[in-house]
Amino acid sequence: FETTNNKNNNMILLLLAVATMALALLYAFLFIRFIDQDEQLIIDDITTKSIINGPKVIFLPLSTRRTEKKKALTLGSTEYCVIKNILSGENVSRWGRSWSF
């Protein structure tokens, strides 16, 4: 009788270990983001929206609804761009070798 009880306990421990590993892999797949130097991550949380510039490894909170990864605009040495802030209406000029988000 004791060996059957030990086998059942071992089986339960094995199932718990497999379930824990499955949950850890699911969290890693859904809530860990890697962003490069020329990327930006936009995080839409339940109550806030935040922007994080790379390079970083981000561990997202469980309350994250949506994320979006954007590449920066890469300018060459002879290129320029004009960026308009939609909140203030201010225009900013960028030129030369740089990244703009």
Protein backbone atom coordinates (compact mmCIF):
# COMPACT_ATOMS: atom_id res chain seq x y z
CA PHE A 1 0.00 0.00 0.00
CA GLU A 2 2.85 2.38 0.79
CA THR A 3 4.55 1.98 -2.59
CA THR A 4 1.30 2.85 -4.37
CA ASN A 5 0.98 5.97 -2.21
CA ASN A 6 4.59 6.99 -3.00
CA LYS A 7 3.96 6.47 -6.74
CA ASN A 8 0.88 8.68 -6.53
CA ASN A 9 2.84 11.39 -4.67
CA ASN A 10 5.64 11.24 -7.25
CA MET A 11 3.10 11.50 -10.08
CA ILE A 12 1.48 14.55 -8.45
CA LEU A 13 4.88 16.22 -7.98
CA LEU A 14 5.77 15.52 -11.62
CA LEU A 15 2.48 17.01 -12.82
CA LEU A 16 3.01 20.10 -10.65
CA ALA A 17 6.52 20.54 -12.04
CA VAL A 18 5.27 20.24 -15.65
CA ALA A 19 2.43 22.71 -14.98
CA THR A 20 4.86 25.18 -13.41
CA MET A 21 7.20 24.95 -16.40
CA ALA A 22 4.27 25.42 -18.80
CA LEU A 23 3.14 28.56 -16.94
CA ALA A 24 6.70 29.95 -16.93
CA LEU A 25 7.02 29.39 -20.69
CA LEU A 26 3.63 30.98 -21.29
CA TYR A 27 4.64 34.06 -19.25
CA ALA A 28 7.95 34.29 -21.14
CA PHE A 29 6.16 34.05 -24.49
CA LEU A 30 3.45 36.60 -23.65
CA PHE A 31 5.09 39.10 -21.29
CA ILE A 32 8.81 39.42 -22.14
CA ARG A 33 9.84 41.77 -24.95
CA PHE A 34 13.29 42.42 -26.43
CA ILE A 35 13.77 45.80 -28.12
CA ASP A 36 16.81 46.79 -30.17
CA GLN A 37 18.64 50.11 -30.12
CA ASP A 38 16.62 51.49 -33.03
CA GLU A 39 13.24 50.35 -31.69
CA GLN A 40 10.59 51.73 -29.38
CA LEU A 41 7.98 49.76 -27.42
CA ILE A 42 4.55 51.28 -26.82
CA ILE A 43 2.79 49.63 -23.87
CA ASP A 44 -0.97 50.02 -23.48
CA ASP A 45 -1.78 49.13 -19.88
CA ILE A 46 -5.22 49.04 -18.25
CA THR A 47 -4.92 52.64 -16.99
CA THR A 48 -1.79 54.10 -18.65
CA LYS A 49 0.15 54.21 -21.87
CA SER A 50 3.96 54.31 -21.79
CA ILE A 51 6.82 54.37 -24.29
CA ILE A 52 10.19 52.69 -23.74
CA ASN A 53 13.23 53.24 -25.97
CA GLY A 54 15.67 50.38 -26.62
CA PRO A 55 17.92 48.57 -26.21
CA LYS A 56 16.26 46.76 -23.31
CA VAL A 57 14.62 43.59 -22.12
CA ILE A 58 11.17 44.41 -20.77
CA PHE A 59 9.16 42.29 -18.34
CA LEU A 60 5.60 43.43 -18.91
CA PRO A 61 3.09 43.56 -16.05
CA LEU A 62 0.15 41.17 -16.15
CA SER A 63 -2.19 44.16 -16.62
CA THR A 64 -0.80 44.85 -20.13
CA ARG A 65 -3.52 44.94 -22.76
CA ARG A 66 -1.44 45.52 -25.90
CA THR A 67 2.09 46.31 -27.05
CA GLU A 68 3.41 47.73 -30.30
CA LYS A 69 7.01 47.80 -31.46
CA LYS A 70 8.10 50.63 -33.80
CA LYS A 71 11.34 51.13 -35.71
CA ALA A 72 13.08 54.49 -35.63
CA LEU A 73 13.43 56.62 -38.73
CA THR A 74 17.11 56.43 -39.64
CA LEU A 75 18.53 59.55 -41.27
CA GLY A 76 21.64 59.57 -43.45
CA SER A 77 24.28 62.32 -43.36
CA THR A 78 22.50 64.37 -46.08
CA GLU A 79 18.89 63.73 -45.01
CA TYR A 80 16.54 65.69 -42.76
CA CYS A 81 12.99 65.43 -41.46
CA VAL A 82 10.47 67.72 -39.77
CA ILE A 83 8.59 66.23 -36.82
CA LYS A 84 5.35 67.83 -35.64
CA ASN A 85 4.22 67.37 -32.04
CA ILE A 86 0.49 66.79 -32.37
CA LEU A 87 -0.20 67.92 -28.79
CA SER A 88 1.61 71.28 -28.86
CA GLY A 89 1.76 71.89 -32.62
CA GLU A 90 5.52 72.52 -32.38
CA ASN A 91 7.72 71.56 -35.35
CA VAL A 92 11.21 70.15 -34.74
CA SER A 93 13.80 69.67 -37.50
CA ARG A 94 16.28 66.80 -37.35
CA TRP A 95 19.16 66.39 -39.78
CA GLY A 96 22.30 64.36 -40.24
CA ARG A 97 23.01 60.88 -38.94
CA SER A 98 20.43 60.24 -36.24
CA TRP A 99 17.37 58.22 -35.24
CA SER A 100 13.96 59.75 -34.75
CA PHE A 101 10.94 58.08 -33.22
